[in-house]
Amino acid sequence: MKFVDWYLKIAFGSALIGVFHDRGRLLLTVLESEKQAWENSPEAQAIRDQSLEKPRCRSKQGILSRMAACSQGRR
């Protein structure tokens, strides 16, 4: 009975660490599921498709005129 207070402190500390560990794992699971939902969304697919498109603005003018043509929707 000499070290009961130490045992209680260790038990409390272990329980506290366990709670934080489980909560952290739950948070990671939620974040991973939200990331997967975003990756499968139509918005993410549109962004991927747009970023993978090859640039189609080609002209013999300077770079600034090509950028202006692209921004205006002309190709």
Protein backbone atom coordinates (compact mmCIF):
# COMPACT_ATOMS: atom_id res chain seq x y z
CA MET A 1 0.00 0.00 0.00
CA LYS A 2 3.08 2.12 0.05
CA PHE A 3 3.00 3.00 -3.66
CA VAL A 4 -0.73 3.21 -4.33
CA ASP A 5 -0.54 6.86 -5.30
CA TRP A 6 2.12 6.05 -7.93
CA TYR A 7 -0.04 3.26 -9.37
CA LEU A 8 -2.99 5.60 -9.59
CA LYS A 9 -0.92 8.29 -11.30
CA ILE A 10 0.43 5.78 -13.82
CA ALA A 11 -3.05 4.38 -14.49
CA PHE A 12 -4.48 7.87 -14.98
CA GLY A 13 -1.62 8.88 -17.27
CA SER A 14 -1.98 5.71 -19.34
CA ALA A 15 -5.72 6.25 -19.70
CA LEU A 16 -5.15 9.86 -20.74
CA ILE A 17 -2.60 8.84 -23.37
CA GLY A 18 -4.98 6.16 -24.64
CA VAL A 19 -7.80 8.68 -25.03
CA PHE A 20 -5.61 11.09 -27.01
CA HIS A 21 -4.27 8.27 -29.15
CA ASP A 22 -7.77 7.04 -30.03
CA ARG A 23 -8.99 10.57 -30.70
CA GLY A 24 -6.03 11.25 -32.99
CA ARG A 25 -6.71 8.03 -34.91
CA LEU A 26 -10.36 9.02 -35.27
CA LEU A 27 -9.37 12.46 -36.55
CA LEU A 28 -7.04 10.90 -39.15
CA THR A 29 -9.80 8.54 -40.26
CA VAL A 30 -12.22 11.45 -40.72
CA LEU A 31 -9.64 13.49 -42.64
CA GLU A 32 -8.80 10.54 -44.90
CA SER A 33 -12.47 9.91 -45.67
CA GLU A 34 -13.02 13.60 -46.48
CA LYS A 35 -9.97 13.58 -48.75
CA GLN A 36 -11.23 10.48 -50.55
CA ALA A 37 -14.68 12.02 -50.96
CA TRP A 38 -13.12 15.17 -52.45
CA GLU A 39 -10.89 13.18 -54.82
CA ASN A 40 -13.94 11.33 -56.16
CA SER A 41 -16.06 14.47 -56.56
CA PRO A 42 -16.93 15.95 -59.97
CA GLU A 43 -15.16 19.22 -59.07
CA ALA A 44 -11.88 17.43 -58.42
CA GLN A 45 -12.24 15.46 -61.65
CA ALA A 46 -12.82 18.70 -63.60
CA ILE A 47 -9.74 20.28 -62.03
CA ARG A 48 -7.65 17.22 -62.90
CA ASP A 49 -8.93 17.19 -66.46
CA GLN A 50 -8.25 20.89 -66.87
CA SER A 51 -4.73 20.64 -65.48
CA LEU A 52 -3.87 17.69 -67.71
CA GLU A 53 -5.01 19.43 -70.88
CA LYS A 54 -2.21 20.46 -73.16
CA PRO A 55 -2.01 24.16 -73.86
CA ARG A 56 -3.77 24.83 -77.14
CA CYS A 57 -2.97 28.51 -77.53
CA ARG A 58 -0.42 28.63 -80.28
CA SER A 59 0.38 31.61 -82.42
CA LYS A 60 3.44 33.25 -83.92
CA GLN A 61 2.90 36.39 -81.90
CA GLY A 62 4.56 37.11 -78.60
CA ILE A 63 3.83 35.38 -75.32
CA LEU A 64 1.66 38.24 -74.05
CA SER A 65 -0.71 38.06 -77.01
CA ARG A 66 -1.00 34.28 -76.56
CA MET A 67 -1.84 34.74 -72.89
CA ALA A 68 -4.45 37.36 -73.79
CA ALA A 69 -5.97 35.05 -76.40
CA CYS A 70 -6.15 32.20 -73.92
CA SER A 71 -7.74 34.33 -71.25
CA GLN A 72 -10.39 35.52 -73.71
CA GLY A 73 -11.25 31.96 -74.69
CA ARG A 74 -9.76 32.08 -78.17
CA ARG A 75 -7.50 29.23 -79.13
